[in-house]
């Protein structure tokens, strides 16, 4: 299911900001999971070349940014450890690799792309370390 509103993502520990350009023809929401695809930041599922979360844009736009086809505006993603919604979160989740399946949806089912390491859990959430991109 695609994200359709901004999401408050809880950050744990330090994070870094990574600049990039948004892929055209999509809507980006603050707090949505993102990754690089063909050299551009993407909110699409199954994103190759690393998975990132969150991104910066002026909060005056209500937490959403609509990018028209053909446009590639600058953006900044925040990379660190984040608590991400996951209904099956349990102690067994810790140490698993998680994969992006859509913008704001993760799974432990391996896809064709790299995933990130789970460092902790709490009810309904996993702590994903987006600094630890795992091999496919």
C-alpha atoms as a PDB file:
ATOM      1  CA  UNK A   1       0.000   0.000   0.000  1.00  0.00           C
ATOM      2  CA  UNK A   2       1.383   3.386  -0.925  1.00  0.00           C
ATOM      3  CA  UNK A   3       1.806   6.095   1.659  1.00  0.00           C
ATOM      4  CA  UNK A   4      -0.833   8.822   1.364  1.00  0.00           C
ATOM      5  CA  UNK A   5      -0.001  11.150   4.238  1.00  0.00           C
ATOM      6  CA  UNK A   6       3.007  12.351   6.169  1.00  0.00           C
ATOM      7  CA  UNK A   7       4.236   9.972   8.843  1.00  0.00           C
ATOM      8  CA  UNK A   8       6.046  10.792  12.045  1.00  0.00           C
ATOM      9  CA  UNK A   9       9.121   8.571  12.160  1.00  0.00           C
ATOM     10  CA  UNK A  10      10.982   8.348  15.463  1.00  0.00           C
ATOM     11  CA  UNK A  11      14.742   8.685  15.046  1.00  0.00           C
ATOM     12  CA  UNK A  12      17.188   6.918  17.365  1.00  0.00           C
ATOM     13  CA  UNK A  13      20.757   8.155  17.604  1.00  0.00           C
ATOM     14  CA  UNK A  14      22.656  10.294  15.092  1.00  0.00           C
ATOM     15  CA  UNK A  15      21.835  10.465  11.416  1.00  0.00           C
ATOM     16  CA  UNK A  16      23.400  11.990   8.315  1.00  0.00           C
ATOM     17  CA  UNK A  17      21.850  13.971   5.488  1.00  0.00           C
ATOM     18  CA  UNK A  18      22.371  12.711   1.936  1.00  0.00           C
ATOM     19  CA  UNK A  19      21.530  15.005  -1.014  1.00  0.00           C
ATOM     20  CA  UNK A  20      19.917  13.757  -4.204  1.00  0.00           C
ATOM     21  CA  UNK A  21      17.271  14.463  -6.830  1.00  0.00           C
ATOM     22  CA  UNK A  22      13.680  13.208  -6.693  1.00  0.00           C
ATOM     23  CA  UNK A  23      12.280  11.003  -9.452  1.00  0.00           C
ATOM     24  CA  UNK A  24       9.538  12.779 -11.415  1.00  0.00           C
ATOM     25  CA  UNK A  25       5.908  11.719 -11.501  1.00  0.00           C
ATOM     26  CA  UNK A  26       5.362  10.857  -7.839  1.00  0.00           C
ATOM     27  CA  UNK A  27       4.242  12.349  -4.531  1.00  0.00           C
ATOM     28  CA  UNK A  28       6.703  12.270  -1.655  1.00  0.00           C
ATOM     29  CA  UNK A  29       5.604  12.393   1.971  1.00  0.00           C
ATOM     30  CA  UNK A  30       7.659  13.376   4.980  1.00  0.00           C
ATOM     31  CA  UNK A  31       8.537  10.208   6.873  1.00  0.00           C
ATOM     32  CA  UNK A  32       8.079   7.908   3.883  1.00  0.00           C
ATOM     33  CA  UNK A  33      10.712   5.270   3.176  1.00  0.00           C
ATOM     34  CA  UNK A  34      12.857   6.061   0.162  1.00  0.00           C
ATOM     35  CA  UNK A  35      15.802   4.702  -1.761  1.00  0.00           C
ATOM     36  CA  UNK A  36      17.946   5.353  -4.799  1.00  0.00           C
ATOM     37  CA  UNK A  37      16.752   4.018  -8.158  1.00  0.00           C
ATOM     38  CA  UNK A  38      18.694   4.737 -11.345  1.00  0.00           C
ATOM     39  CA  UNK A  39      20.583   7.492  -9.518  1.00  0.00           C
ATOM     40  CA  UNK A  40      17.433   9.317  -8.345  1.00  0.00           C
ATOM     41  CA  UNK A  41      15.634   9.252  -4.996  1.00  0.00           C
ATOM     42  CA  UNK A  42      12.464   7.192  -5.303  1.00  0.00           C
ATOM     43  CA  UNK A  43       9.437   6.418  -3.144  1.00  0.00           C
ATOM     44  CA  UNK A  44       8.604   3.412  -5.313  1.00  0.00           C
ATOM     45  CA  UNK A  45       8.697  -0.117  -3.932  1.00  0.00           C
ATOM     46  CA  UNK A  46      11.536  -2.490  -4.724  1.00  0.00           C
ATOM     47  CA  UNK A  47      14.133   0.245  -4.728  1.00  0.00           C
ATOM     48  CA  UNK A  48      17.681  -0.826  -5.649  1.00  0.00           C
ATOM     49  CA  UNK A  49      21.057   0.520  -4.537  1.00  0.00           C
ATOM     50  CA  UNK A  50      20.231   1.084  -0.890  1.00  0.00           C
ATOM     51  CA  UNK A  51      17.240   1.983   1.235  1.00  0.00           C
ATOM     52  CA  UNK A  52      16.875   5.321   2.998  1.00  0.00           C
ATOM     53  CA  UNK A  53      14.161   6.927   5.075  1.00  0.00           C
ATOM     54  CA  UNK A  54      12.792  10.431   5.438  1.00  0.00           C
ATOM     55  CA  UNK A  55      13.736  13.435   3.391  1.00  0.00           C
ATOM     56  CA  UNK A  56      13.849  17.161   3.784  1.00  0.00           C
ATOM     57  CA  UNK A  57      11.636  19.732   2.185  1.00  0.00           C
ATOM     58  CA  UNK A  58       9.992  22.872   3.422  1.00  0.00           C
ATOM     59  CA  UNK A  59       7.388  21.989   6.079  1.00  0.00           C
ATOM     60  CA  UNK A  60       5.195  24.804   4.744  1.00  0.00           C
ATOM     61  CA  UNK A  61       4.117  22.448   1.944  1.00  0.00           C
ATOM     62  CA  UNK A  62       2.198  20.355   4.494  1.00  0.00           C
ATOM     63  CA  UNK A  63       4.588  17.420   4.560  1.00  0.00           C
ATOM     64  CA  UNK A  64       4.003  16.405   0.941  1.00  0.00           C
ATOM     65  CA  UNK A  65       5.796  17.214  -2.286  1.00  0.00           C
ATOM     66  CA  UNK A  66       4.199  16.504  -5.660  1.00  0.00           C
ATOM     67  CA  UNK A  67       6.795  16.107  -8.408  1.00  0.00           C
ATOM     68  CA  UNK A  68       5.515  16.364 -11.967  1.00  0.00           C
ATOM     69  CA  UNK A  69       6.785  14.021 -14.692  1.00  0.00           C
ATOM     70  CA  UNK A  70      10.043  15.270 -16.142  1.00  0.00           C
ATOM     71  CA  UNK A  71      10.936  17.276 -13.019  1.00  0.00           C
ATOM     72  CA  UNK A  72      13.860  16.234 -10.793  1.00  0.00           C
ATOM     73  CA  UNK A  73      14.028  18.690  -7.872  1.00  0.00           C
ATOM     74  CA  UNK A  74      16.757  18.563  -5.244  1.00  0.00           C
ATOM     75  CA  UNK A  75      15.997  16.845  -1.948  1.00  0.00           C
ATOM     76  CA  UNK A  76      17.822  15.610   1.131  1.00  0.00           C
ATOM     77  CA  UNK A  77      17.205  12.260   2.823  1.00  0.00           C
ATOM     78  CA  UNK A  78      18.022  11.529   6.428  1.00  0.00           C
ATOM     79  CA  UNK A  79      19.949   8.286   6.985  1.00  0.00           C
ATOM     80  CA  UNK A  80      20.178   6.698  10.437  1.00  0.00           C
ATOM     81  CA  UNK A  81      18.209   4.370  12.690  1.00  0.00           C
ATOM     82  CA  UNK A  82      14.430   4.757  12.590  1.00  0.00           C
ATOM     83  CA  UNK A  83      11.450   3.084  14.213  1.00  0.00           C
ATOM     84  CA  UNK A  84       9.397   1.841  11.256  1.00  0.00           C
ATOM     85  CA  UNK A  85       5.851   0.414  11.498  1.00  0.00           C
ATOM     86  CA  UNK A  86       5.829  -3.394  11.223  1.00  0.00           C
ATOM     87  CA  UNK A  87       2.858  -5.303  12.636  1.00  0.00           C
ATOM     88  CA  UNK A  88       4.796  -8.575  13.140  1.00  0.00           C
ATOM     89  CA  UNK A  89       7.571  -6.978  15.216  1.00  0.00           C
ATOM     90  CA  UNK A  90       9.043  -9.374  17.802  1.00  0.00           C
ATOM     91  CA  UNK A  91      12.358 -10.362  19.381  1.00  0.00           C
ATOM     92  CA  UNK A  92      12.837 -12.676  16.376  1.00  0.00           C
ATOM     93  CA  UNK A  93      12.894  -9.571  14.121  1.00  0.00           C
ATOM     94  CA  UNK A  94      16.172  -8.377  15.666  1.00  0.00           C
ATOM     95  CA  UNK A  95      19.056  -9.258  13.341  1.00  0.00           C
ATOM     96  CA  UNK A  96      16.763  -9.861  10.347  1.00  0.00           C
ATOM     97  CA  UNK A  97      17.229  -8.023   7.073  1.00  0.00           C
ATOM     98  CA  UNK A  98      14.259  -5.894   6.018  1.00  0.00           C
ATOM     99  CA  UNK A  99      13.402  -4.891   2.454  1.00  0.00           C
ATOM    100  CA  UNK A 100      11.393  -1.999   1.036  1.00  0.00           C
ATOM    101  CA  UNK A 101       8.208  -3.183  -0.676  1.00  0.00           C
ATOM    102  CA  UNK A 102       6.473   0.178  -1.046  1.00  0.00           C
ATOM    103  CA  UNK A 103       6.885   3.693   0.279  1.00  0.00           C
ATOM    104  CA  UNK A 104       6.454   3.052   3.991  1.00  0.00           C
ATOM    105  CA  UNK A 105       6.091  -0.738   3.882  1.00  0.00           C
ATOM    106  CA  UNK A 106       8.833  -3.210   4.784  1.00  0.00           C
ATOM    107  CA  UNK A 107       9.067  -7.005   4.767  1.00  0.00           C
ATOM    108  CA  UNK A 108      11.573  -9.697   5.719  1.00  0.00           C
ATOM    109  CA  UNK A 109      10.935 -11.471   2.417  1.00  0.00           C
ATOM    110  CA  UNK A 110      14.063 -11.065   0.301  1.00  0.00           C
ATOM    111  CA  UNK A 111      13.560  -9.318  -2.997  1.00  0.00           C
ATOM    112  CA  UNK A 112      15.930  -8.463  -5.788  1.00  0.00           C
ATOM    113  CA  UNK A 113      17.369  -5.486  -3.938  1.00  0.00           C
ATOM    114  CA  UNK A 114      19.464  -4.774  -0.836  1.00  0.00           C
ATOM    115  CA  UNK A 115      17.851  -4.507   2.573  1.00  0.00           C
ATOM    116  CA  UNK A 116      18.722  -3.031   5.966  1.00  0.00           C
ATOM    117  CA  UNK A 117      19.423  -4.581   9.365  1.00  0.00           C
ATOM    118  CA  UNK A 118      16.900  -4.616  12.231  1.00  0.00           C
ATOM    119  CA  UNK A 119      18.529  -3.532  15.519  1.00  0.00           C
ATOM    120  CA  UNK A 120      15.519  -3.668  17.865  1.00  0.00           C
ATOM    121  CA  UNK A 121      11.753  -3.888  18.221  1.00  0.00           C
ATOM    122  CA  UNK A 122       8.827  -2.597  20.233  1.00  0.00           C
ATOM    123  CA  UNK A 123       5.131  -3.282  19.844  1.00  0.00           C
ATOM    124  CA  UNK A 124       4.218  -2.623  16.197  1.00  0.00           C
ATOM    125  CA  UNK A 125       7.662  -1.244  15.223  1.00  0.00           C
ATOM    126  CA  UNK A 126      11.134  -2.387  14.224  1.00  0.00           C
ATOM    127  CA  UNK A 127      14.276  -0.300  14.642  1.00  0.00           C
ATOM    128  CA  UNK A 128      15.878  -0.341  11.196  1.00  0.00           C
ATOM    129  CA  UNK A 129      19.448   0.801  10.679  1.00  0.00           C
ATOM    130  CA  UNK A 130      19.512   2.496   7.272  1.00  0.00           C
ATOM    131  CA  UNK A 131      23.292   2.900   7.595  1.00  0.00           C
ATOM    132  CA  UNK A 132      23.682  -0.883   7.188  1.00  0.00           C
ATOM    133  CA  UNK A 133      22.658  -1.656   3.630  1.00  0.00           C
ATOM    134  CA  UNK A 134      22.932  -5.434   3.258  1.00  0.00           C
ATOM    135  CA  UNK A 135      23.864  -7.268   0.052  1.00  0.00           C
ATOM    136  CA  UNK A 136      21.063  -8.634  -2.113  1.00  0.00           C
END
